[in-house]
Amino acid sequence: VVILCGGSANDLPWQTPMMAKHFCVIDSFDTHAKIPE
C-alpha cells in the first residue's frame, strides 16, 4: 500500500490517480468541495 502524504491543493489531485495505476493507495485529500471529482 502507498500512503500519499502530499498536499490537497497541488499534489494529491494528480498523484493519487497516477499512483493508483500501479499500487493500492490511500490519501487524506481534504478539499471537501472537490471530493466527488
PDB file of all heavy atoms in Angstrom:
ATOM      1  N   VAL A   1       0.855  -1.192   0.000  1.00  0.00           N
ATOM      2  CA  VAL A   1       0.000   0.000   0.000  1.00  0.00           C
ATOM      3  C   VAL A   1       0.890   1.241   0.000  1.00  0.00           C
ATOM      4  O   VAL A   1       1.862   1.313   0.759  1.00  0.00           O
ATOM      5  CB  VAL A   1      -0.937   0.048   1.233  1.00  0.00           C
ATOM      6  CG1 VAL A   1      -1.838   1.282   1.187  1.00  0.00           C
ATOM      7  CG2 VAL A   1      -1.781  -1.217   1.331  1.00  0.00           C
ATOM      8  N   VAL A   2       0.533   2.213  -0.830  1.00  0.00           N
ATOM      9  CA  VAL A   2       1.218   3.500  -0.856  1.00  0.00           C
ATOM     10  C   VAL A   2       0.360   4.521  -0.115  1.00  0.00           C
ATOM     11  O   VAL A   2      -0.820   4.713  -0.445  1.00  0.00           O
ATOM     12  CB  VAL A   2       1.468   3.983  -2.298  1.00  0.00           C
ATOM     13  CG1 VAL A   2       1.997   5.417  -2.303  1.00  0.00           C
ATOM     14  CG2 VAL A   2       2.447   3.061  -3.010  1.00  0.00           C
ATOM     15  N   ILE A   3       0.937   5.163   0.891  1.00  0.00           N
ATOM     16  CA  ILE A   3       0.258   6.243   1.604  1.00  0.00           C
ATOM     17  C   ILE A   3       0.798   7.561   1.057  1.00  0.00           C
ATOM     18  O   ILE A   3       1.982   7.864   1.186  1.00  0.00           O
ATOM     19  CB  ILE A   3       0.482   6.155   3.124  1.00  0.00           C
ATOM     20  CG1 ILE A   3      -0.054   4.826   3.667  1.00  0.00           C
ATOM     21  CG2 ILE A   3      -0.210   7.326   3.820  1.00  0.00           C
ATOM     22  CD1 ILE A   3       0.107   4.653   5.174  1.00  0.00           C
ATOM     23  N   LEU A   4      -0.096   8.335   0.438  1.00  0.00           N
ATOM     24  CA  LEU A   4       0.292   9.603  -0.186  1.00  0.00           C
ATOM     25  C   LEU A   4       0.157  10.733   0.827  1.00  0.00           C
ATOM     26  O   LEU A   4      -0.924  10.946   1.392  1.00  0.00           O
ATOM     27  CB  LEU A   4      -0.576   9.864  -1.409  1.00  0.00           C
ATOM     28  CG  LEU A   4      -0.296   8.878  -2.545  1.00  0.00           C
ATOM     29  CD1 LEU A   4      -1.569   8.367  -3.169  1.00  0.00           C
ATOM     30  CD2 LEU A   4       0.599   9.512  -3.584  1.00  0.00           C
ATOM     31  N   CYS A   5       1.251  11.453   1.043  1.00  0.00           N
ATOM     32  CA  CYS A   5       1.306  12.451   2.115  1.00  0.00           C
ATOM     33  C   CYS A   5       1.533  13.862   1.592  1.00  0.00           C
ATOM     34  O   CYS A   5       2.063  14.717   2.295  1.00  0.00           O
ATOM     35  CB  CYS A   5       2.405  12.071   3.109  1.00  0.00           C
ATOM     36  SG  CYS A   5       2.117  10.489   3.914  1.00  0.00           S
ATOM     37  N   GLY A   6       1.138  14.112   0.342  1.00  0.00           N
ATOM     38  CA  GLY A   6       1.261  15.442  -0.227  1.00  0.00           C
ATOM     39  C   GLY A   6       0.079  16.316   0.131  1.00  0.00           C
ATOM     40  O   GLY A   6      -0.831  15.927   0.867  1.00  0.00           O
ATOM     41  N   GLY A   7       0.069  17.520  -0.427  1.00  0.00           N
ATOM     42  CA  GLY A   7      -0.987  18.476  -0.150  1.00  0.00           C
ATOM     43  C   GLY A   7      -2.171  18.320  -1.084  1.00  0.00           C
ATOM     44  O   GLY A   7      -2.038  17.860  -2.222  1.00  0.00           O
ATOM     45  N   SER A   8      -3.341  18.729  -0.595  1.00  0.00           N
ATOM     46  CA  SER A   8      -4.561  18.596  -1.382  1.00  0.00           C
ATOM     47  C   SER A   8      -4.665  19.633  -2.489  1.00  0.00           C
ATOM     48  O   SER A   8      -5.368  19.426  -3.477  1.00  0.00           O
ATOM     49  CB  SER A   8      -5.786  18.713  -0.470  1.00  0.00           C
ATOM     50  OG  SER A   8      -5.810  17.675   0.474  1.00  0.00           O
ATOM     51  N   ALA A   9      -3.997  20.755  -2.333  1.00  0.00           N
ATOM     52  CA  ALA A   9      -4.134  21.830  -3.314  1.00  0.00           C
ATOM     53  C   ALA A   9      -3.474  21.479  -4.639  1.00  0.00           C
ATOM     54  O   ALA A   9      -4.058  21.685  -5.707  1.00  0.00           O
ATOM     55  CB  ALA A   9      -3.550  23.125  -2.749  1.00  0.00           C
ATOM     56  N   ASN A  10      -2.252  20.928  -4.583  1.00  0.00           N
ATOM     57  CA  ASN A  10      -1.485  20.740  -5.816  1.00  0.00           C
ATOM     58  C   ASN A  10      -0.937  19.336  -6.031  1.00  0.00           C
ATOM     59  O   ASN A  10      -0.530  19.016  -7.150  1.00  0.00           O
ATOM     60  CB  ASN A  10      -0.313  21.733  -5.841  1.00  0.00           C
ATOM     61  CG  ASN A  10      -0.769  23.178  -5.874  1.00  0.00           C
ATOM     62  OD1 ASN A  10      -0.877  23.833  -4.847  1.00  0.00           O
ATOM     63  ND2 ASN A  10      -1.056  23.686  -7.053  1.00  0.00           N
ATOM     64  N   ASP A  11      -0.888  18.508  -5.002  1.00  0.00           N
ATOM     65  CA  ASP A  11      -0.246  17.193  -5.129  1.00  0.00           C
ATOM     66  C   ASP A  11      -1.236  16.059  -5.366  1.00  0.00           C
ATOM     67  O   ASP A  11      -1.166  15.340  -6.362  1.00  0.00           O
ATOM     68  CB  ASP A  11       0.581  16.882  -3.880  1.00  0.00           C
ATOM     69  CG  ASP A  11       1.711  17.877  -3.658  1.00  0.00           C
ATOM     70  OD1 ASP A  11       2.265  18.365  -4.654  1.00  0.00           O
ATOM     71  OD2 ASP A  11       2.014  18.167  -2.486  1.00  0.00           O
ATOM     72  N   LEU A  12      -2.148  15.870  -4.433  1.00  0.00           N
ATOM     73  CA  LEU A  12      -2.998  14.680  -4.454  1.00  0.00           C
ATOM     74  C   LEU A  12      -3.930  14.588  -5.670  1.00  0.00           C
ATOM     75  O   LEU A  12      -4.192  13.471  -6.137  1.00  0.00           O
ATOM     76  CB  LEU A  12      -3.809  14.596  -3.156  1.00  0.00           C
ATOM     77  CG  LEU A  12      -2.965  14.474  -1.878  1.00  0.00           C
ATOM     78  CD1 LEU A  12      -3.873  14.446  -0.646  1.00  0.00           C
ATOM     79  CD2 LEU A  12      -2.059  13.250  -1.911  1.00  0.00           C
ATOM     80  N   PRO A  13      -4.445  15.699  -6.206  1.00  0.00           N
ATOM     81  CA  PRO A  13      -5.335  15.548  -7.364  1.00  0.00           C
ATOM     82  C   PRO A  13      -4.714  14.807  -8.543  1.00  0.00           C
ATOM     83  O   PRO A  13      -5.422  14.136  -9.297  1.00  0.00           O
ATOM     84  CB  PRO A  13      -5.661  17.004  -7.730  1.00  0.00           C
ATOM     85  CG  PRO A  13      -5.552  17.741  -6.442  1.00  0.00           C
ATOM     86  CD  PRO A  13      -4.391  17.094  -5.740  1.00  0.00           C
ATOM     87  N   TRP A  14      -3.394  14.888  -8.716  1.00  0.00           N
ATOM     88  CA  TRP A  14      -2.761  14.136  -9.806  1.00  0.00           C
ATOM     89  C   TRP A  14      -1.970  12.944  -9.296  1.00  0.00           C
ATOM     90  O   TRP A  14      -1.896  11.909  -9.963  1.00  0.00           O
ATOM     91  CB  TRP A  14      -1.847  15.045 -10.640  1.00  0.00           C
ATOM     92  CG  TRP A  14      -0.653  15.598  -9.921  1.00  0.00           C
ATOM     93  CD1 TRP A  14      -0.580  16.758  -9.212  1.00  0.00           C
ATOM     94  CD2 TRP A  14       0.653  15.015  -9.849  1.00  0.00           C
ATOM     95  NE1 TRP A  14       0.671  16.940  -8.685  1.00  0.00           N
ATOM     96  CE2 TRP A  14       1.456  15.881  -9.067  1.00  0.00           C
ATOM     97  CE3 TRP A  14       1.228  13.852 -10.353  1.00  0.00           C
ATOM     98  CZ2 TRP A  14       2.797  15.619  -8.783  1.00  0.00           C
ATOM     99  CZ3 TRP A  14       2.566  13.591 -10.068  1.00  0.00           C
ATOM    100  CH2 TRP A  14       3.325  14.467  -9.298  1.00  0.00           C
ATOM    101  N   GLN A  15      -1.411  13.033  -8.084  1.00  0.00           N
ATOM    102  CA  GLN A  15      -0.587  11.930  -7.577  1.00  0.00           C
ATOM    103  C   GLN A  15      -1.403  10.674  -7.297  1.00  0.00           C
ATOM    104  O   GLN A  15      -0.981   9.560  -7.625  1.00  0.00           O
ATOM    105  CB  GLN A  15       0.140  12.355  -6.293  1.00  0.00           C
ATOM    106  CG  GLN A  15       1.382  13.183  -6.517  1.00  0.00           C
ATOM    107  CD  GLN A  15       2.128  13.425  -5.218  1.00  0.00           C
ATOM    108  OE1 GLN A  15       1.628  13.154  -4.121  1.00  0.00           O
ATOM    109  NE2 GLN A  15       3.332  13.951  -5.329  1.00  0.00           N
ATOM    110  N   THR A  16      -2.563  10.828  -6.655  1.00  0.00           N
ATOM    111  CA  THR A  16      -3.324   9.641  -6.269  1.00  0.00           C
ATOM    112  C   THR A  16      -3.806   8.847  -7.484  1.00  0.00           C
ATOM    113  O   THR A  16      -3.594   7.626  -7.544  1.00  0.00           O
ATOM    114  CB  THR A  16      -4.490  10.017  -5.336  1.00  0.00           C
ATOM    115  OG1 THR A  16      -4.005  10.828  -4.254  1.00  0.00           O
ATOM    116  CG2 THR A  16      -5.139   8.777  -4.755  1.00  0.00           C
ATOM    117  N   PRO A  17      -4.444   9.483  -8.482  1.00  0.00           N
ATOM    118  CA  PRO A  17      -4.817   8.691  -9.670  1.00  0.00           C
ATOM    119  C   PRO A  17      -3.613   8.090 -10.386  1.00  0.00           C
ATOM    120  O   PRO A  17      -3.700   6.962 -10.900  1.00  0.00           O
ATOM    121  CB  PRO A  17      -5.545   9.714 -10.564  1.00  0.00           C
ATOM    122  CG  PRO A  17      -5.954  10.811  -9.658  1.00  0.00           C
ATOM    123  CD  PRO A  17      -4.932  10.868  -8.569  1.00  0.00           C
ATOM    124  N   MET A  18      -2.486   8.816 -10.416  1.00  0.00           N
ATOM    125  CA  MET A  18      -1.298   8.299 -11.089  1.00  0.00           C
ATOM    126  C   MET A  18      -0.754   7.069 -10.367  1.00  0.00           C
ATOM    127  O   MET A  18      -0.469   6.038 -10.982  1.00  0.00           O
ATOM    128  CB  MET A  18      -0.220   9.371 -11.156  1.00  0.00           C
ATOM    129  CG  MET A  18       1.051   8.928 -11.887  1.00  0.00           C
ATOM    130  SD  MET A  18       2.402  10.132 -11.757  1.00  0.00           S
ATOM    131  CE  MET A  18       2.885   9.932 -10.035  1.00  0.00           C
ATOM    132  N   MET A  19      -0.644   7.142  -9.046  1.00  0.00           N
ATOM    133  CA  MET A  19      -0.123   6.016  -8.273  1.00  0.00           C
ATOM    134  C   MET A  19      -1.076   4.826  -8.299  1.00  0.00           C
ATOM    135  O   MET A  19      -0.645   3.666  -8.219  1.00  0.00           O
ATOM    136  CB  MET A  19       0.135   6.443  -6.823  1.00  0.00           C
ATOM    137  CG  MET A  19       1.305   7.370  -6.664  1.00  0.00           C
ATOM    138  SD  MET A  19       2.865   6.535  -7.015  1.00  0.00           S
ATOM    139  CE  MET A  19       3.982   7.935  -6.961  1.00  0.00           C
ATOM    140  N   ALA A  20      -2.373   5.108  -8.427  1.00  0.00           N
ATOM    141  CA  ALA A  20      -3.368   4.032  -8.457  1.00  0.00           C
ATOM    142  C   ALA A  20      -3.258   3.178  -9.714  1.00  0.00           C
ATOM    143  O   ALA A  20      -3.833   2.090  -9.766  1.00  0.00           O
ATOM    144  CB  ALA A  20      -4.775   4.608  -8.336  1.00  0.00           C
ATOM    145  N   LYS A  21      -2.501   3.627 -10.696  1.00  0.00           N
ATOM    146  CA  LYS A  21      -2.262   2.798 -11.877  1.00  0.00           C
ATOM    147  C   LYS A  21      -1.403   1.583 -11.546  1.00  0.00           C
ATOM    148  O   LYS A  21      -1.441   0.579 -12.251  1.00  0.00           O
ATOM    149  CB  LYS A  21      -1.558   3.620 -12.966  1.00  0.00           C
ATOM    150  CG  LYS A  21      -2.392   4.741 -13.543  1.00  0.00           C
ATOM    151  CD  LYS A  21      -1.592   5.514 -14.588  1.00  0.00           C
ATOM    152  CE  LYS A  21      -2.403   6.654 -15.182  1.00  0.00           C
ATOM    153  NZ  LYS A  21      -1.621   7.424 -16.186  1.00  0.00           N
ATOM    154  N   HIS A  22      -0.639   1.665 -10.458  1.00  0.00           N
ATOM    155  CA  HIS A  22       0.340   0.626 -10.148  1.00  0.00           C
ATOM    156  C   HIS A  22       0.201   0.042  -8.737  1.00  0.00           C
ATOM    157  O   HIS A  22       0.702  -1.055  -8.481  1.00  0.00           O
ATOM    158  CB  HIS A  22       1.753   1.196 -10.291  1.00  0.00           C
ATOM    159  CG  HIS A  22       1.994   1.875 -11.603  1.00  0.00           C
ATOM    160  ND1 HIS A  22       2.194   1.177 -12.769  1.00  0.00           N
ATOM    161  CD2 HIS A  22       2.049   3.188 -11.925  1.00  0.00           C
ATOM    162  CE1 HIS A  22       2.380   2.034 -13.765  1.00  0.00           C
ATOM    163  NE2 HIS A  22       2.294   3.258 -13.285  1.00  0.00           N
ATOM    164  N   PHE A  23      -0.461   0.775  -7.814  1.00  0.00           N
ATOM    165  CA  PHE A  23      -0.480   0.367  -6.408  1.00  0.00           C
ATOM    166  C   PHE A  23      -1.868   0.566  -5.806  1.00  0.00           C
ATOM    167  O   PHE A  23      -2.665   1.372  -6.292  1.00  0.00           O
ATOM    168  CB  PHE A  23       0.497   1.228  -5.597  1.00  0.00           C
ATOM    169  CG  PHE A  23       1.922   1.173  -6.044  1.00  0.00           C
ATOM    170  CD1 PHE A  23       2.434   2.142  -6.901  1.00  0.00           C
ATOM    171  CD2 PHE A  23       2.767   0.158  -5.610  1.00  0.00           C
ATOM    172  CE1 PHE A  23       3.758   2.110  -7.311  1.00  0.00           C
ATOM    173  CE2 PHE A  23       4.090   0.113  -6.007  1.00  0.00           C
ATOM    174  CZ  PHE A  23       4.587   1.088  -6.871  1.00  0.00           C
ATOM    175  N   CYS A  24      -2.106  -0.135  -4.696  1.00  0.00           N
ATOM    176  CA  CYS A  24      -3.196   0.246  -3.811  1.00  0.00           C
ATOM    177  C   CYS A  24      -2.762   1.516  -3.083  1.00  0.00           C
ATOM    178  O   CYS A  24      -1.626   1.602  -2.603  1.00  0.00           O
ATOM    179  CB  CYS A  24      -3.505  -0.866  -2.821  1.00  0.00           C
ATOM    180  SG  CYS A  24      -4.230  -2.318  -3.612  1.00  0.00           S
ATOM    181  N   VAL A  25      -3.660   2.498  -2.997  1.00  0.00           N
ATOM    182  CA  VAL A  25      -3.275   3.817  -2.493  1.00  0.00           C
ATOM    183  C   VAL A  25      -4.261   4.299  -1.445  1.00  0.00           C
ATOM    184  O   VAL A  25      -5.411   3.871  -1.382  1.00  0.00           O
ATOM    185  CB  VAL A  25      -3.202   4.850  -3.639  1.00  0.00           C
ATOM    186  CG1 VAL A  25      -2.108   4.489  -4.637  1.00  0.00           C
ATOM    187  CG2 VAL A  25      -4.552   4.978  -4.352  1.00  0.00           C
ATOM    188  N   ILE A  26      -3.788   5.251  -0.637  1.00  0.00           N
ATOM    189  CA  ILE A  26      -4.645   5.916   0.329  1.00  0.00           C
ATOM    190  C   ILE A  26      -4.140   7.337   0.493  1.00  0.00           C
ATOM    191  O   ILE A  26      -2.926   7.578   0.483  1.00  0.00           O
ATOM    192  CB  ILE A  26      -4.667   5.157   1.675  1.00  0.00           C
ATOM    193  CG1 ILE A  26      -5.592   5.846   2.677  1.00  0.00           C
ATOM    194  CG2 ILE A  26      -3.287   4.976   2.255  1.00  0.00           C
ATOM    195  CD1 ILE A  26      -5.881   5.001   3.907  1.00  0.00           C
ATOM    196  N   ASP A  27      -5.086   8.300   0.594  1.00  0.00           N
ATOM    197  CA  ASP A  27      -4.667   9.686   0.791  1.00  0.00           C
ATOM    198  C   ASP A  27      -5.585  10.382   1.792  1.00  0.00           C
ATOM    199  O   ASP A  27      -6.567   9.810   2.271  1.00  0.00           O
ATOM    200  CB  ASP A  27      -4.590  10.451  -0.542  1.00  0.00           C
ATOM    201  CG  ASP A  27      -5.957  10.806  -1.145  1.00  0.00           C
ATOM    202  OD1 ASP A  27      -6.965  10.838  -0.420  1.00  0.00           O
ATOM    203  OD2 ASP A  27      -6.006  11.063  -2.372  1.00  0.00           O
ATOM    204  N   SER A  28      -5.227  11.644   2.103  1.00  0.00           N
ATOM    205  CA  SER A  28      -6.015  12.454   3.041  1.00  0.00           C
ATOM    206  C   SER A  28      -6.532  13.707   2.342  1.00  0.00           C
ATOM    207  O   SER A  28      -6.573  14.780   2.943  1.00  0.00           O
ATOM    208  CB  SER A  28      -5.170  12.826   4.261  1.00  0.00           C
ATOM    209  OG  SER A  28      -4.002  13.542   3.867  1.00  0.00           O
ATOM    210  N   PHE A  29      -6.927  13.570   1.091  1.00  0.00           N
ATOM    211  CA  PHE A  29      -7.435  14.707   0.315  1.00  0.00           C
ATOM    212  C   PHE A  29      -8.543  15.409   1.097  1.00  0.00           C
ATOM    213  O   PHE A  29      -9.535  14.787   1.480  1.00  0.00           O
ATOM    214  CB  PHE A  29      -7.970  14.216  -1.033  1.00  0.00           C
ATOM    215  CG  PHE A  29      -8.457  15.312  -1.942  1.00  0.00           C
ATOM    216  CD1 PHE A  29      -7.559  16.047  -2.691  1.00  0.00           C
ATOM    217  CD2 PHE A  29      -9.809  15.603  -2.046  1.00  0.00           C
ATOM    218  CE1 PHE A  29      -8.004  17.064  -3.532  1.00  0.00           C
ATOM    219  CE2 PHE A  29     -10.258  16.608  -2.884  1.00  0.00           C
ATOM    220  CZ  PHE A  29      -9.348  17.341  -3.633  1.00  0.00           C
ATOM    221  N   ASP A  30      -8.393  16.721   1.342  1.00  0.00           N
ATOM    222  CA  ASP A  30      -9.315  17.375   2.269  1.00  0.00           C
ATOM    223  C   ASP A  30     -10.014  18.610   1.708  1.00  0.00           C
ATOM    224  O   ASP A  30     -10.568  19.403   2.468  1.00  0.00           O
ATOM    225  CB  ASP A  30      -8.602  17.729   3.578  1.00  0.00           C
ATOM    226  CG  ASP A  30      -7.530  18.808   3.416  1.00  0.00           C
ATOM    227  OD1 ASP A  30      -7.271  19.248   2.270  1.00  0.00           O
ATOM    228  OD2 ASP A  30      -6.952  19.210   4.442  1.00  0.00           O
ATOM    229  N   THR A  31     -10.011  18.783   0.393  1.00  0.00           N
ATOM    230  CA  THR A  31     -10.791  19.871  -0.194  1.00  0.00           C
ATOM    231  C   THR A  31     -12.219  19.359  -0.390  1.00  0.00           C
ATOM    232  O   THR A  31     -12.550  18.726  -1.391  1.00  0.00           O
ATOM    233  CB  THR A  31     -10.192  20.328  -1.539  1.00  0.00           C
ATOM    234  OG1 THR A  31      -8.806  20.634  -1.357  1.00  0.00           O
ATOM    235  CG2 THR A  31     -10.906  21.563  -2.054  1.00  0.00           C
ATOM    236  N   HIS A  32     -13.081  19.619   0.607  1.00  0.00           N
ATOM    237  CA  HIS A  32     -14.404  18.995   0.664  1.00  0.00           C
ATOM    238  C   HIS A  32     -15.192  19.163  -0.635  1.00  0.00           C
ATOM    239  O   HIS A  32     -15.809  18.208  -1.117  1.00  0.00           O
ATOM    240  CB  HIS A  32     -15.200  19.576   1.838  1.00  0.00           C
ATOM    241  CG  HIS A  32     -14.665  19.200   3.182  1.00  0.00           C
ATOM    242  ND1 HIS A  32     -15.169  18.161   3.937  1.00  0.00           N
ATOM    243  CD2 HIS A  32     -13.646  19.734   3.916  1.00  0.00           C
ATOM    244  CE1 HIS A  32     -14.503  18.071   5.070  1.00  0.00           C
ATOM    245  NE2 HIS A  32     -13.583  19.016   5.080  1.00  0.00           N
ATOM    246  N   ALA A  33     -15.165  20.349  -1.203  1.00  0.00           N
ATOM    247  CA  ALA A  33     -15.978  20.618  -2.385  1.00  0.00           C
ATOM    248  C   ALA A  33     -15.547  19.810  -3.602  1.00  0.00           C
ATOM    249  O   ALA A  33     -16.338  19.595  -4.527  1.00  0.00           O
ATOM    250  CB  ALA A  33     -15.928  22.115  -2.718  1.00  0.00           C
ATOM    251  N   LYS A  34     -14.305  19.347  -3.603  1.00  0.00           N
ATOM    252  CA  LYS A  34     -13.782  18.637  -4.771  1.00  0.00           C
ATOM    253  C   LYS A  34     -13.658  17.129  -4.554  1.00  0.00           C
ATOM    254  O   LYS A  34     -13.102  16.426  -5.396  1.00  0.00           O
ATOM    255  CB  LYS A  34     -12.415  19.226  -5.161  1.00  0.00           C
ATOM    256  CG  LYS A  34     -12.506  20.662  -5.641  1.00  0.00           C
ATOM    257  CD  LYS A  34     -11.162  21.163  -6.163  1.00  0.00           C
ATOM    258  CE  LYS A  34     -11.291  22.571  -6.719  1.00  0.00           C
ATOM    259  NZ  LYS A  34     -10.002  23.071  -7.262  1.00  0.00           N
ATOM    260  N   ILE A  35     -14.163  16.624  -3.445  1.00  0.00           N
ATOM    261  CA  ILE A  35     -14.058  15.183  -3.178  1.00  0.00           C
ATOM    262  C   ILE A  35     -14.767  14.342  -4.245  1.00  0.00           C
ATOM    263  O   ILE A  35     -14.202  13.341  -4.707  1.00  0.00           O
ATOM    264  CB  ILE A  35     -14.552  14.856  -1.754  1.00  0.00           C
ATOM    265  CG1 ILE A  35     -13.512  15.328  -0.723  1.00  0.00           C
ATOM    266  CG2 ILE A  35     -14.799  13.353  -1.592  1.00  0.00           C
ATOM    267  CD1 ILE A  35     -13.935  15.173   0.724  1.00  0.00           C
ATOM    268  N   PRO A  36     -15.982  14.685  -4.679  1.00  0.00           N
ATOM    269  CA  PRO A  36     -16.605  13.861  -5.730  1.00  0.00           C
ATOM    270  C   PRO A  36     -15.755  13.784  -7.004  1.00  0.00           C
ATOM    271  O   PRO A  36     -15.626  12.709  -7.606  1.00  0.00           O
ATOM    272  CB  PRO A  36     -17.940  14.572  -5.982  1.00  0.00           C
ATOM    273  CG  PRO A  36     -18.253  15.245  -4.682  1.00  0.00           C
ATOM    274  CD  PRO A  36     -16.922  15.713  -4.168  1.00  0.00           C
ATOM    275  N   GLU A  37     -15.163  14.887  -7.395  1.00  0.00           N
ATOM    276  CA  GLU A  37     -14.305  14.926  -8.577  1.00  0.00           C
ATOM    277  C   GLU A  37     -13.055  14.069  -8.368  1.00  0.00           C
ATOM    278  O   GLU A  37     -12.642  13.312  -9.260  1.00  0.00           O
ATOM    279  CB  GLU A  37     -13.923  16.383  -8.837  1.00  0.00           C
ATOM    280  CG  GLU A  37     -12.942  16.631  -9.949  1.00  0.00           C
ATOM    281  CD  GLU A  37     -12.537  18.103 -10.004  1.00  0.00           C
ATOM    282  OE1 GLU A  37     -13.327  18.970  -9.571  1.00  0.00           O
ATOM    283  OE2 GLU A  37     -11.421  18.382 -10.474  1.00  0.00           O
TER     284      GLU A  37
END
